[in-house]
Amino acid sequence: KNVFIITLLSVFAGMGRRSSERGQRVAFVIIATERHLRVEAEHRLHHAKTKQEMLEQEANQDRGASELHSNSTGTGYMTTDTGQLFKSAAAGLEASDGESKREAVRTIAKLGSQEHWLIPTEHVKPACSPGAIVGRGSYGMVLRASYHGSEVVVKVPHADVTPE
């Protein structure tokens, strides 16, 4: 009788382990596939940028330009769509009318959302503890917050700070 129970427990333990290992293998394959796709996309993007830079260089040489702004030296903000957008937005921010400034900020916010460097405010949850304020300055306050479960700090301009 004891041998039967031990055998039965061993079979069930083996089945559980096999199921667990199968789940881990499936997860590994999914991660490996995602990483492979990301590497391929980055490779294609690199070659597309290289081809675009070569075309821009040829165009600049045809116009007799002696210097080409290069992305690798950090001076090439004018050679990318993002750089062009920031240049036009900066001109809008320098404008005297409020509508041009608002449109410039909306344009930058739209780009930030598309490129995922602007985080929606609803994803950030401010800390509600006595030590939530990390610092204050002329710009605003730095607060502890949570972003998808990770502890972060957030700069909040004085105009956006509301007492709660």
N, C-alpha and C. Protein backbone atom coordinates (compact mmCIF):
# COMPACT_ATOMS: atom_id res chain seq x y z
N LYS A 1 0.82 -1.18 0.00
CA LYS A 1 0.00 0.00 0.00
C LYS A 1 0.88 1.26 0.00
N ASN A 2 1.92 1.32 0.83
CA ASN A 2 2.80 2.48 0.88
C ASN A 2 3.55 2.67 -0.43
N VAL A 3 3.93 1.58 -1.05
CA VAL A 3 4.63 1.66 -2.33
C VAL A 3 3.72 2.29 -3.37
N PHE A 4 2.44 1.91 -3.34
CA PHE A 4 1.49 2.46 -4.29
C PHE A 4 1.33 3.97 -4.09
N ILE A 5 1.24 4.42 -2.87
CA ILE A 5 1.08 5.86 -2.56
C ILE A 5 2.33 6.63 -2.98
N ILE A 6 3.51 6.08 -2.69
CA ILE A 6 4.75 6.73 -3.08
C ILE A 6 4.86 6.81 -4.60
N THR A 7 4.49 5.74 -5.27
CA THR A 7 4.52 5.72 -6.74
C THR A 7 3.55 6.76 -7.30
N LEU A 8 2.36 6.82 -6.74
CA LEU A 8 1.35 7.78 -7.19
C LEU A 8 1.82 9.21 -6.97
N LEU A 9 2.39 9.51 -5.82
CA LEU A 9 2.91 10.84 -5.54
C LEU A 9 4.06 11.20 -6.48
N SER A 10 4.91 10.24 -6.76
CA SER A 10 6.02 10.47 -7.69
C SER A 10 5.52 10.80 -9.09
N VAL A 11 4.48 10.09 -9.53
CA VAL A 11 3.90 10.34 -10.85
C VAL A 11 3.32 11.74 -10.91
N PHE A 12 2.55 12.13 -9.89
CA PHE A 12 1.95 13.46 -9.87
C PHE A 12 3.02 14.56 -9.79
N ALA A 13 4.05 14.35 -9.02
CA ALA A 13 5.14 15.33 -8.93
C ALA A 13 5.85 15.47 -10.27
N GLY A 14 6.07 14.36 -10.95
CA GLY A 14 6.70 14.39 -12.26
C GLY A 14 5.83 15.13 -13.28
N MET A 15 4.51 14.91 -13.22
CA MET A 15 3.59 15.60 -14.13
C MET A 15 3.59 17.11 -13.86
N GLY A 16 3.61 17.47 -12.58
CA GLY A 16 3.64 18.89 -12.23
C GLY A 16 4.91 19.56 -12.69
N ARG A 17 6.04 18.89 -12.49
CA ARG A 17 7.32 19.43 -12.92
C ARG A 17 7.35 19.57 -14.44
N ARG A 18 6.86 18.57 -15.14
CA ARG A 18 6.85 18.61 -16.60
C ARG A 18 5.99 19.77 -17.10
N SER A 19 4.84 19.98 -16.46
CA SER A 19 3.96 21.09 -16.84
C SER A 19 4.66 22.43 -16.59
N SER A 20 5.33 22.54 -15.47
CA SER A 20 6.04 23.76 -15.13
C SER A 20 7.17 24.03 -16.14
N GLU A 21 7.93 23.00 -16.47
CA GLU A 21 9.02 23.16 -17.43
C GLU A 21 8.49 23.53 -18.81
N ARG A 22 7.36 22.97 -19.20
CA ARG A 22 6.76 23.28 -20.48
C ARG A 22 6.38 24.78 -20.52
N GLY A 23 5.80 25.26 -19.44
CA GLY A 23 5.43 26.68 -19.35
C GLY A 23 6.66 27.58 -19.46
N GLN A 24 7.74 27.19 -18.80
CA GLN A 24 8.98 27.96 -18.86
C GLN A 24 9.56 27.96 -20.27
N ARG A 25 9.49 26.82 -20.95
CA ARG A 25 10.00 26.74 -22.32
C ARG A 25 9.19 27.64 -23.26
N VAL A 26 7.88 27.62 -23.10
CA VAL A 26 7.02 28.47 -23.93
C VAL A 26 7.34 29.94 -23.69
N ALA A 27 7.50 30.33 -22.43
CA ALA A 27 7.85 31.72 -22.11
C ALA A 27 9.21 32.09 -22.71
N PHE A 28 10.16 31.17 -22.64
CA PHE A 28 11.48 31.44 -23.21
C PHE A 28 11.39 31.65 -24.71
N VAL A 29 10.62 30.81 -25.39
CA VAL A 29 10.47 30.94 -26.85
C VAL A 29 9.82 32.29 -27.20
N ILE A 30 8.83 32.69 -26.43
CA ILE A 30 8.17 33.98 -26.69
C ILE A 30 9.16 35.12 -26.51
N ILE A 31 9.92 35.10 -25.43
CA ILE A 31 10.91 36.16 -25.18
C ILE A 31 11.98 36.17 -26.26
N ALA A 32 12.47 34.99 -26.63
CA ALA A 32 13.50 34.90 -27.66
C ALA A 32 12.98 35.43 -29.00
N THR A 33 11.74 35.12 -29.33
CA THR A 33 11.14 35.60 -30.58
C THR A 33 11.00 37.11 -30.56
N GLU A 34 10.52 37.67 -29.43
CA GLU A 34 10.39 39.13 -29.32
C GLU A 34 11.75 39.82 -29.45
N ARG A 35 12.77 39.28 -28.81
CA ARG A 35 14.10 39.87 -28.90
C ARG A 35 14.65 39.79 -30.32
N HIS A 36 14.40 38.66 -30.98
CA HIS A 36 14.84 38.50 -32.36
C HIS A 36 14.16 39.54 -33.27
N LEU A 37 12.86 39.73 -33.08
CA LEU A 37 12.13 40.72 -33.88
C LEU A 37 12.64 42.13 -33.60
N ARG A 38 12.94 42.43 -32.33
CA ARG A 38 13.45 43.75 -31.98
C ARG A 38 14.81 44.00 -32.63
N VAL A 39 15.69 42.99 -32.59
CA VAL A 39 17.01 43.13 -33.20
C VAL A 39 16.87 43.35 -34.71
N GLU A 40 15.98 42.58 -35.35
CA GLU A 40 15.77 42.77 -36.79
C GLU A 40 15.26 44.18 -37.09
N ALA A 41 14.32 44.67 -36.29
CA ALA A 41 13.78 46.02 -36.51
C ALA A 41 14.85 47.08 -36.31
N GLU A 42 15.67 46.93 -35.27
CA GLU A 42 16.75 47.88 -35.02
C GLU A 42 17.77 47.84 -36.16
N HIS A 43 18.05 46.65 -36.68
CA HIS A 43 18.99 46.50 -37.79
C HIS A 43 18.45 47.21 -39.03
N ARG A 44 17.16 46.98 -39.33
CA ARG A 44 16.56 47.66 -40.49
C ARG A 44 16.56 49.17 -40.30
N LEU A 45 16.24 49.62 -39.09
CA LEU A 45 16.22 51.06 -38.81
C LEU A 45 17.61 51.66 -38.98
N HIS A 46 18.63 50.95 -38.49
CA HIS A 46 20.00 51.44 -38.62
C HIS A 46 20.36 51.59 -40.09
N HIS A 47 20.04 50.59 -40.90
CA HIS A 47 20.37 50.66 -42.32
C HIS A 47 19.55 51.72 -43.03
N ALA A 48 18.31 51.92 -42.61
CA ALA A 48 17.49 52.97 -43.22
C ALA A 48 18.06 54.33 -42.89
N LYS A 49 18.50 54.53 -41.63
CA LYS A 49 19.10 55.80 -41.25
C LYS A 49 20.40 56.01 -42.01
N THR A 50 21.21 54.95 -42.13
CA THR A 50 22.48 55.06 -42.85
C THR A 50 22.23 55.45 -44.30
N LYS A 51 21.25 54.81 -44.92
CA LYS A 51 20.92 55.13 -46.31
C LYS A 51 20.42 56.56 -46.41
N GLN A 52 19.58 57.00 -45.46
CA GLN A 52 19.06 58.37 -45.46
C GLN A 52 20.21 59.36 -45.26
N GLU A 53 21.13 59.08 -44.35
CA GLU A 53 22.27 59.97 -44.11
C GLU A 53 23.14 60.08 -45.36
N MET A 54 23.32 58.96 -46.07
CA MET A 54 24.13 58.99 -47.29
C MET A 54 23.45 59.85 -48.35
N LEU A 55 22.12 59.73 -48.48
CA LEU A 55 21.39 60.54 -49.45
C LEU A 55 21.46 62.02 -49.08
N GLU A 56 21.34 62.32 -47.78
CA GLU A 56 21.43 63.71 -47.34
C GLU A 56 22.83 64.26 -47.58
N GLN A 57 23.85 63.43 -47.34
CA GLN A 57 25.23 63.87 -47.56
C GLN A 57 25.45 64.17 -49.04
N GLU A 58 24.95 63.31 -49.92
CA GLU A 58 25.09 63.56 -51.35
C GLU A 58 24.36 64.83 -51.75
N ALA A 59 23.17 65.04 -51.17
CA ALA A 59 22.41 66.25 -51.49
C ALA A 59 23.15 67.49 -51.02
N ASN A 60 23.73 67.43 -49.83
CA ASN A 60 24.48 68.57 -49.32
C ASN A 60 25.74 68.82 -50.14
N GLN A 61 26.40 67.76 -50.58
CA GLN A 61 27.59 67.93 -51.41
C GLN A 61 27.23 68.53 -52.76
N ASP A 62 26.08 68.13 -53.30
CA ASP A 62 25.62 68.68 -54.57
C ASP A 62 25.34 70.18 -54.44
N ARG A 63 24.88 70.62 -53.30
CA ARG A 63 24.62 72.04 -53.08
C ARG A 63 25.88 72.80 -52.71
N GLY A 64 26.98 72.08 -52.59
CA GLY A 64 28.24 72.74 -52.27
C GLY A 64 28.43 73.00 -50.79
N ALA A 65 27.68 72.28 -49.95
CA ALA A 65 27.82 72.49 -48.51
C ALA A 65 29.16 71.91 -48.07
N SER A 66 29.88 72.68 -47.32
CA SER A 66 31.20 72.21 -46.89
C SER A 66 31.12 71.37 -45.63
N GLU A 67 30.07 71.57 -44.81
CA GLU A 67 29.95 70.80 -43.58
C GLU A 67 28.59 70.16 -43.52
N LEU A 68 28.55 68.94 -43.08
CA LEU A 68 27.29 68.22 -42.90
C LEU A 68 27.09 68.01 -41.41
N HIS A 69 25.90 68.38 -40.94
CA HIS A 69 25.61 68.13 -39.53
C HIS A 69 25.48 66.63 -39.35
N SER A 70 26.26 66.09 -38.45
CA SER A 70 26.29 64.64 -38.25
C SER A 70 25.60 64.28 -36.95
N ASN A 71 24.77 63.26 -36.99
CA ASN A 71 24.11 62.79 -35.77
C ASN A 71 25.11 62.27 -34.76
N SER A 72 26.24 61.73 -35.21
CA SER A 72 27.19 61.14 -34.28
C SER A 72 27.93 62.18 -33.45
N THR A 73 28.01 63.42 -33.93
CA THR A 73 28.70 64.45 -33.16
C THR A 73 27.75 65.22 -32.26
N GLY A 74 26.46 64.91 -32.36
CA GLY A 74 25.50 65.60 -31.51
C GLY A 74 25.02 66.90 -32.09
N THR A 75 25.48 67.29 -33.27
CA THR A 75 25.06 68.56 -33.85
C THR A 75 24.03 68.35 -34.95
N GLY A 76 23.60 67.14 -35.16
CA GLY A 76 22.75 66.83 -36.29
C GLY A 76 21.27 66.83 -35.98
N TYR A 77 20.80 67.69 -35.09
CA TYR A 77 19.39 67.70 -34.78
C TYR A 77 18.55 68.10 -35.97
N MET A 78 19.15 68.71 -36.96
CA MET A 78 18.40 69.15 -38.13
C MET A 78 18.21 68.04 -39.14
N THR A 79 18.85 66.90 -39.01
CA THR A 79 18.77 65.86 -40.03
C THR A 79 17.66 64.86 -39.74
N THR A 80 16.97 64.97 -38.62
CA THR A 80 15.91 64.03 -38.30
C THR A 80 14.57 64.74 -38.27
N ASP A 81 13.51 63.96 -38.44
CA ASP A 81 12.16 64.53 -38.36
C ASP A 81 11.91 65.12 -36.98
N THR A 82 12.40 64.44 -35.94
CA THR A 82 12.22 64.94 -34.59
C THR A 82 12.93 66.28 -34.41
N GLY A 83 14.14 66.38 -34.95
CA GLY A 83 14.88 67.64 -34.87
C GLY A 83 14.15 68.77 -35.56
N GLN A 84 13.60 68.49 -36.73
CA GLN A 84 12.83 69.49 -37.46
C GLN A 84 11.61 69.93 -36.63
N LEU A 85 10.95 68.95 -36.01
CA LEU A 85 9.77 69.24 -35.21
C LEU A 85 10.13 70.13 -34.03
N PHE A 86 11.23 69.81 -33.34
CA PHE A 86 11.63 70.62 -32.20
C PHE A 86 12.05 72.02 -32.63
N LYS A 87 12.66 72.14 -33.79
CA LYS A 87 13.04 73.47 -34.27
C LYS A 87 11.80 74.32 -34.53
N SER A 88 10.80 73.73 -35.19
CA SER A 88 9.58 74.50 -35.46
C SER A 88 8.82 74.78 -34.16
N ALA A 89 8.85 73.83 -33.22
CA ALA A 89 8.19 74.05 -31.93
C ALA A 89 8.89 75.14 -31.14
N ALA A 90 10.22 75.18 -31.21
CA ALA A 90 10.96 76.24 -30.52
C ALA A 90 10.58 77.60 -31.08
N ALA A 91 10.41 77.68 -32.40
CA ALA A 91 9.98 78.94 -33.02
C ALA A 91 8.59 79.31 -32.51
N GLY A 92 7.71 78.32 -32.36
CA GLY A 92 6.37 78.57 -31.84
C GLY A 92 6.40 79.04 -30.40
N LEU A 93 7.32 78.49 -29.62
CA LEU A 93 7.43 78.91 -28.21
C LEU A 93 7.97 80.32 -28.07
N GLU A 94 8.78 80.74 -29.05
CA GLU A 94 9.32 82.10 -29.02
C GLU A 94 8.30 83.13 -29.50
N ALA A 95 7.22 82.67 -30.13
CA ALA A 95 6.19 83.59 -30.63
C ALA A 95 5.52 84.29 -29.46
N SER A 96 5.00 85.47 -29.74
CA SER A 96 4.41 86.26 -28.67
C SER A 96 2.98 85.84 -28.36
N ASP A 97 2.26 85.29 -29.33
CA ASP A 97 0.87 84.95 -29.05
C ASP A 97 0.76 83.60 -28.35
N GLY A 98 -0.21 83.48 -27.48
CA GLY A 98 -0.40 82.29 -26.66
C GLY A 98 -0.79 81.07 -27.46
N GLU A 99 -1.55 81.27 -28.55
CA GLU A 99 -2.01 80.12 -29.33
C GLU A 99 -0.84 79.40 -30.00
N SER A 100 0.16 80.14 -30.50
CA SER A 100 1.34 79.51 -31.10
C SER A 100 2.10 78.69 -30.07
N LYS A 101 2.19 79.22 -28.87
CA LYS A 101 2.88 78.49 -27.80
C LYS A 101 2.13 77.22 -27.44
N ARG A 102 0.80 77.31 -27.32
CA ARG A 102 0.00 76.12 -26.99
C ARG A 102 0.12 75.07 -28.09
N GLU A 103 0.09 75.51 -29.36
CA GLU A 103 0.21 74.57 -30.48
C GLU A 103 1.59 73.90 -30.48
N ALA A 104 2.64 74.65 -30.14
CA ALA A 104 3.99 74.08 -30.08
C ALA A 104 4.07 73.02 -28.99
N VAL A 105 3.49 73.28 -27.84
CA VAL A 105 3.50 72.32 -26.74
C VAL A 105 2.68 71.08 -27.12
N ARG A 106 1.53 71.28 -27.77
CA ARG A 106 0.71 70.14 -28.21
C ARG A 106 1.48 69.27 -29.20
N THR A 107 2.22 69.91 -30.11
CA THR A 107 3.00 69.17 -31.10
C THR A 107 4.07 68.33 -30.42
N ILE A 108 4.77 68.91 -29.45
CA ILE A 108 5.80 68.16 -28.73
C ILE A 108 5.17 67.04 -27.91
N ALA A 109 4.03 67.30 -27.28
CA ALA A 109 3.35 66.27 -26.49
C ALA A 109 2.89 65.11 -27.38
N LYS A 110 2.42 65.43 -28.57
CA LYS A 110 1.98 64.36 -29.50
C LYS A 110 3.17 63.49 -29.89
N LEU A 111 4.32 64.12 -30.19
CA LEU A 111 5.52 63.36 -30.53
C LEU A 111 5.95 62.50 -29.34
N GLY A 112 5.93 63.07 -28.14
CA GLY A 112 6.31 62.32 -26.94
C GLY A 112 5.43 61.11 -26.73
N SER A 113 4.15 61.24 -27.00
CA SER A 113 3.24 60.09 -26.88
C SER A 113 3.54 59.04 -27.93
N GLN A 114 3.82 59.48 -29.16
CA GLN A 114 4.12 58.53 -30.23
C GLN A 114 5.42 57.78 -29.99
N GLU A 115 6.43 58.49 -29.46
CA GLU A 115 7.74 57.88 -29.24
C GLU A 115 7.90 57.31 -27.84
N HIS A 116 6.85 57.40 -27.03
CA HIS A 116 6.79 56.80 -25.69
C HIS A 116 7.80 57.39 -24.70
N TRP A 117 8.18 58.66 -24.86
CA TRP A 117 9.01 59.28 -23.82
C TRP A 117 8.19 60.26 -22.99
N LEU A 118 6.96 60.50 -23.37
CA LEU A 118 6.04 61.30 -22.57
C LEU A 118 5.05 60.34 -21.93
N ILE A 119 5.05 60.29 -20.62
CA ILE A 119 4.24 59.32 -19.89
C ILE A 119 2.89 59.97 -19.55
N PRO A 120 1.78 59.30 -19.84
CA PRO A 120 0.47 59.84 -19.46
C PRO A 120 0.37 59.99 -17.95
N THR A 121 -0.22 61.08 -17.50
CA THR A 121 -0.30 61.34 -16.06
C THR A 121 -1.10 60.28 -15.32
N GLU A 122 -2.06 59.64 -16.00
CA GLU A 122 -2.86 58.63 -15.30
C GLU A 122 -2.07 57.37 -14.97
N HIS A 123 -0.89 57.19 -15.56
CA HIS A 123 -0.04 56.04 -15.26
C HIS A 123 0.86 56.27 -14.04
N VAL A 124 0.96 57.52 -13.60
CA VAL A 124 1.82 57.87 -12.47
C VAL A 124 0.94 58.16 -11.26
N LYS A 125 1.24 57.49 -10.15
CA LYS A 125 0.46 57.68 -8.93
C LYS A 125 1.37 58.29 -7.86
N PRO A 126 1.12 59.56 -7.46
CA PRO A 126 1.95 60.20 -6.44
C PRO A 126 1.86 59.48 -5.10
N ALA A 127 2.96 59.48 -4.37
CA ALA A 127 2.98 58.88 -3.04
C ALA A 127 2.21 59.77 -2.08
N CYS A 128 1.54 59.16 -1.14
CA CYS A 128 0.75 59.91 -0.16
C CYS A 128 1.33 59.72 1.23
N SER A 129 2.65 59.86 1.35
CA SER A 129 3.30 59.67 2.64
C SER A 129 3.97 60.98 3.04
N PRO A 130 4.34 61.11 4.33
CA PRO A 130 4.99 62.34 4.78
C PRO A 130 6.29 62.64 4.02
N GLY A 131 7.01 61.64 3.55
CA GLY A 131 8.26 61.85 2.83
C GLY A 131 8.10 61.91 1.33
N ALA A 132 6.89 62.21 0.85
CA ALA A 132 6.61 62.20 -0.59
C ALA A 132 7.34 63.32 -1.32
N ILE A 133 7.58 64.43 -0.65
CA ILE A 133 8.27 65.56 -1.29
C ILE A 133 9.77 65.34 -1.15
N VAL A 134 10.44 65.16 -2.28
CA VAL A 134 11.88 64.93 -2.29
C VAL A 134 12.62 66.26 -2.28
N GLY A 135 12.10 67.26 -2.97
CA GLY A 135 12.75 68.56 -3.02
C GLY A 135 11.87 69.61 -3.64
N ARG A 136 12.30 70.87 -3.50
CA ARG A 136 11.60 72.02 -4.08
C ARG A 136 12.62 72.92 -4.74
N GLY A 137 12.17 73.62 -5.76
CA GLY A 137 13.06 74.55 -6.44
C GLY A 137 12.27 75.66 -7.11
N SER A 138 12.94 76.44 -7.92
CA SER A 138 12.27 77.55 -8.58
C SER A 138 11.30 77.06 -9.64
N TYR A 139 11.53 75.87 -10.19
CA TYR A 139 10.67 75.30 -11.24
C TYR A 139 9.41 74.68 -10.63
N GLY A 140 9.59 73.96 -9.54
CA GLY A 140 8.47 73.25 -8.94
C GLY A 140 8.94 72.34 -7.84
N MET A 141 8.26 71.21 -7.71
CA MET A 141 8.58 70.25 -6.66
C MET A 141 8.95 68.91 -7.28
N VAL A 142 9.75 68.14 -6.56
CA VAL A 142 10.08 66.77 -6.95
C VAL A 142 9.40 65.86 -5.94
N LEU A 143 8.54 64.98 -6.45
CA LEU A 143 7.73 64.11 -5.60
C LEU A 143 8.03 62.65 -5.86
N ARG A 144 7.91 61.83 -4.83
CA ARG A 144 7.96 60.38 -5.00
C ARG A 144 6.65 59.95 -5.63
N ALA A 145 6.73 58.94 -6.50
CA ALA A 145 5.53 58.44 -7.15
C ALA A 145 5.74 56.98 -7.52
N SER A 146 4.69 56.38 -8.05
CA SER A 146 4.74 54.99 -8.51
C SER A 146 4.34 54.97 -9.98
N TYR A 147 5.12 54.26 -10.80
CA TYR A 147 4.83 54.11 -12.22
C TYR A 147 4.83 52.63 -12.54
N HIS A 148 3.67 52.07 -12.76
CA HIS A 148 3.49 50.64 -13.01
C HIS A 148 4.19 49.79 -11.95
N GLY A 149 4.07 50.22 -10.69
CA GLY A 149 4.62 49.45 -9.58
C GLY A 149 6.06 49.77 -9.23
N SER A 150 6.74 50.57 -10.06
CA SER A 150 8.12 50.95 -9.77
C SER A 150 8.16 52.32 -9.12
N GLU A 151 9.06 52.47 -8.15
CA GLU A 151 9.19 53.76 -7.48
C GLU A 151 9.97 54.71 -8.38
N VAL A 152 9.41 55.91 -8.60
CA VAL A 152 10.02 56.93 -9.44
C VAL A 152 9.89 58.28 -8.74
N VAL A 153 10.57 59.29 -9.28
CA VAL A 153 10.35 60.66 -8.84
C VAL A 153 9.83 61.45 -10.02
N VAL A 154 9.01 62.46 -9.73
CA VAL A 154 8.36 63.24 -10.76
C VAL A 154 8.55 64.72 -10.47
N LYS A 155 8.96 65.48 -11.49
CA LYS A 155 9.04 66.94 -11.36
C LYS A 155 7.68 67.51 -11.69
N VAL A 156 7.17 68.33 -10.79
CA VAL A 156 5.86 68.95 -11.00
C VAL A 156 6.06 70.46 -10.99
N PRO A 157 5.70 71.15 -12.10
CA PRO A 157 5.85 72.60 -12.13
C PRO A 157 4.95 73.25 -11.09
N HIS A 158 5.35 74.44 -10.62
CA HIS A 158 4.55 75.14 -9.61
C HIS A 158 3.10 75.34 -10.06
N ALA A 159 2.87 75.60 -11.33
CA ALA A 159 1.51 75.82 -11.83
C ALA A 159 0.66 74.57 -11.71
N ASP A 160 1.26 73.38 -11.71
CA ASP A 160 0.49 72.14 -11.64
C ASP A 160 0.35 71.60 -10.23
N VAL A 161 1.02 72.19 -9.24
CA VAL A 161 0.97 71.68 -7.88
C VAL A 161 -0.33 72.11 -7.25
N THR A 162 -1.11 71.14 -6.81
CA THR A 162 -2.37 71.44 -6.13
C THR A 162 -2.32 70.82 -4.75
N PRO A 163 -2.69 71.56 -3.71
CA PRO A 163 -2.65 71.00 -2.36
C PRO A 163 -3.72 69.94 -2.21
N GLU A 164 -3.33 68.78 -1.65
CA GLU A 164 -4.28 67.68 -1.43
C GLU A 164 -4.13 67.16 -0.04
